[in-house]
Amino acid sequence: MANETYTGNPGSTTTDLGNARDKVTDMANQAKDKVADIANQAKDKANEFGRTAVNKMDESRTSAAEALHTTADSLRTGAQTSSEKLSGFATAAADRLESTSTYLRDNDVRGMMGDLEGAVRRNPGPALIVAAAFGFLLGSAIRSGNRD
């Protein structure tokens, strides 16, 4: 038995390894293609969701502007019957509401996001403080909502 020699095809081992390598490569490529397809589907869904959200915000922006305008009118009407000092505050608040209403009517969501981005770039410190405060309030609201 010690003198036995291999009588098989000497190239068969190399061929078998090559075939196995090709199969592994094919499986890896199929997996890569599947992951790419899933990623593209997720990207498409996210884009669709974003477009839907922007459209809904654009639709509600008009009704919000109208509500602000109505509130401003009510404040002005109430200011006429109030004391002089209270009338001044009410008129100033009504003017602010009216300008906000006009801004909402005149700008779409993308324009408002651009304005917000510009304000953050011009005032990064205060913007960071506002973002932190908003995050704190949002976190508090979520935590208190989870307790119920």
Protein backbone atom coordinates (compact mmCIF):
# COMPACT_ATOMS: atom_id res chain seq x y z
CA MET A 1 0.00 0.00 0.00
CA ALA A 2 2.89 2.29 0.53
CA ASN A 3 3.76 2.07 -3.14
CA GLU A 4 0.29 3.08 -4.41
CA THR A 5 0.26 5.99 -6.78
CA TYR A 6 -2.45 8.46 -7.71
CA THR A 7 -3.92 7.49 -11.05
CA GLY A 8 -6.64 10.15 -11.30
CA ASN A 9 -6.67 13.12 -13.64
CA PRO A 10 -4.03 15.57 -12.36
CA GLY A 11 -6.00 18.63 -13.56
CA SER A 12 -9.27 17.60 -11.92
CA THR A 13 -8.42 19.12 -8.52
CA THR A 14 -7.58 22.45 -10.10
CA THR A 15 -10.74 22.32 -12.20
CA ASP A 16 -12.88 21.49 -9.16
CA LEU A 17 -11.39 24.44 -7.24
CA GLY A 18 -12.00 26.73 -10.20
CA ASN A 19 -15.63 25.60 -10.46
CA ALA A 20 -16.16 26.10 -6.72
CA ARG A 21 -14.60 29.57 -6.92
CA ASP A 22 -16.87 30.45 -9.86
CA LYS A 23 -19.94 29.26 -7.95
CA VAL A 24 -18.99 31.30 -4.87
CA THR A 25 -18.37 34.35 -7.06
CA ASP A 26 -21.75 33.88 -8.78
CA MET A 27 -23.52 33.55 -5.41
CA ALA A 28 -21.75 36.66 -4.11
CA ASN A 29 -22.76 38.61 -7.22
CA GLN A 30 -26.37 37.45 -6.89
CA ALA A 31 -26.41 38.51 -3.23
CA LYS A 32 -24.87 41.86 -4.14
CA ASP A 33 -27.49 42.42 -6.84
CA LYS A 34 -30.29 41.49 -4.44
CA VAL A 35 -28.98 43.91 -1.79
CA ALA A 36 -28.70 46.65 -4.43
CA ASP A 37 -32.30 46.01 -5.54
CA ILE A 38 -33.56 46.17 -1.95
CA ALA A 39 -31.57 49.37 -1.35
CA ASN A 40 -33.05 50.95 -4.49
CA GLN A 41 -36.56 49.97 -3.42
CA ALA A 42 -35.96 51.49 0.03
CA LYS A 43 -34.59 54.66 -1.56
CA ASP A 44 -37.63 54.92 -3.84
CA LYS A 45 -39.99 54.43 -0.90
CA ALA A 46 -38.15 57.10 1.13
CA ASN A 47 -38.31 59.55 -1.78
CA GLU A 48 -42.01 58.85 -2.23
CA PHE A 49 -42.61 59.35 1.50
CA GLY A 50 -40.69 62.63 1.39
CA ARG A 51 -42.68 63.90 -1.58
CA THR A 52 -45.93 62.93 0.12
CA ALA A 53 -44.90 64.68 3.34
CA VAL A 54 -43.92 67.86 1.48
CA ASN A 55 -47.22 67.83 -0.44
CA LYS A 56 -49.22 67.42 2.76
CA MET A 57 -47.28 70.23 4.42
CA ASP A 58 -47.89 72.45 1.39
CA GLU A 59 -51.61 71.69 1.57
CA SER A 60 -51.84 72.44 5.29
CA ARG A 61 -49.73 75.58 4.95
CA THR A 62 -52.60 77.43 3.26
CA SER A 63 -55.10 76.57 5.99
CA ALA A 64 -52.53 77.50 8.67
CA ALA A 65 -52.00 80.86 6.96
CA GLU A 66 -55.75 81.46 6.90
CA ALA A 67 -56.06 80.57 10.60
CA LEU A 68 -53.25 83.00 11.46
CA HIS A 69 -54.92 85.72 9.39
CA THR A 70 -58.24 85.14 11.17
CA THR A 71 -56.54 85.24 14.57
CA ALA A 72 -54.77 88.48 13.65
CA ASP A 73 -58.11 90.03 12.67
CA SER A 74 -59.64 88.92 15.96
CA LEU A 75 -56.76 90.44 17.91
CA ARG A 76 -57.12 93.73 16.07
CA THR A 77 -60.85 93.78 16.76
CA GLY A 78 -60.25 93.05 20.46
CA ALA A 79 -57.50 95.67 20.60
CA GLN A 80 -59.97 98.39 19.67
CA THR A 81 -61.95 97.78 22.85
CA SER A 82 -58.94 97.32 25.17
CA SER A 83 -56.84 99.74 27.15
CA GLU A 84 -54.17 101.67 25.28
CA LYS A 85 -51.27 99.55 26.60
CA LEU A 86 -53.04 96.24 25.96
CA SER A 87 -54.17 97.53 22.58
CA GLY A 88 -50.55 98.16 21.60
CA PHE A 89 -49.52 94.62 22.54
CA ALA A 90 -52.51 93.10 20.75
CA THR A 91 -51.85 95.16 17.61
CA ALA A 92 -48.15 94.17 17.62
CA ALA A 93 -49.09 90.51 18.02
CA ALA A 94 -51.67 90.83 15.24
CA ASP A 95 -49.06 92.38 12.95
CA ARG A 96 -46.66 89.50 13.65
CA LEU A 97 -49.39 86.94 12.98
CA GLU A 98 -50.33 88.71 9.77
CA SER A 99 -46.72 88.77 8.53
CA THR A 100 -46.38 85.07 9.40
CA SER A 101 -49.59 84.38 7.52
CA THR A 102 -48.28 86.22 4.47
CA TYR A 103 -44.97 84.35 4.66
CA LEU A 104 -46.80 81.01 4.76
CA ARG A 105 -48.90 81.93 1.76
CA ASP A 106 -45.97 83.25 -0.28
CA ASN A 107 -43.45 80.44 0.36
CA ASP A 108 -43.58 76.73 -0.26
CA VAL A 109 -42.01 74.17 2.08
CA ARG A 110 -38.74 74.00 0.13
CA GLY A 111 -38.41 77.79 0.28
CA MET A 112 -39.07 77.78 4.01
CA MET A 113 -36.46 75.06 4.54
CA GLY A 114 -33.96 77.17 2.60
CA ASP A 115 -34.77 80.18 4.76
CA LEU A 116 -34.38 78.09 7.91
CA GLU A 117 -31.04 76.74 6.69
CA GLY A 118 -29.85 80.29 6.00
CA ALA A 119 -30.92 81.45 9.46
CA VAL A 120 -29.07 78.54 11.09
CA ARG A 121 -25.92 79.33 9.09
CA ARG A 122 -26.06 82.99 10.08
CA ASN A 123 -26.78 82.20 13.77
CA PRO A 124 -25.34 78.77 14.62
CA GLY A 125 -25.12 79.33 18.40
CA PRO A 126 -28.73 80.35 18.98
CA ALA A 127 -29.88 77.70 16.49
CA LEU A 128 -28.06 75.04 18.49
CA ILE A 129 -29.68 76.25 21.72
CA VAL A 130 -33.13 76.21 20.10
CA ALA A 131 -32.52 72.70 18.69
CA ALA A 132 -31.38 71.43 22.09
CA ALA A 133 -34.42 72.97 23.81
CA PHE A 134 -36.74 71.51 21.18
CA GLY A 135 -35.11 68.10 21.57
CA PHE A 136 -35.49 68.27 25.33
CA LEU A 137 -39.17 69.23 25.08
CA LEU A 138 -39.84 66.57 22.48
CA GLY A 139 -38.09 63.93 24.60
CA SER A 140 -40.08 64.99 27.66
CA ALA A 141 -43.33 64.80 25.72
CA ILE A 142 -42.49 61.34 24.39
CA ARG A 143 -41.51 60.06 27.85
CA SER A 144 -44.68 61.40 29.45
CA GLY A 145 -46.72 59.92 26.61
CA ASN A 146 -45.16 56.49 27.23
CA ARG A 147 -46.14 56.55 30.91
CA ASP A 148 -49.85 56.71 30.13
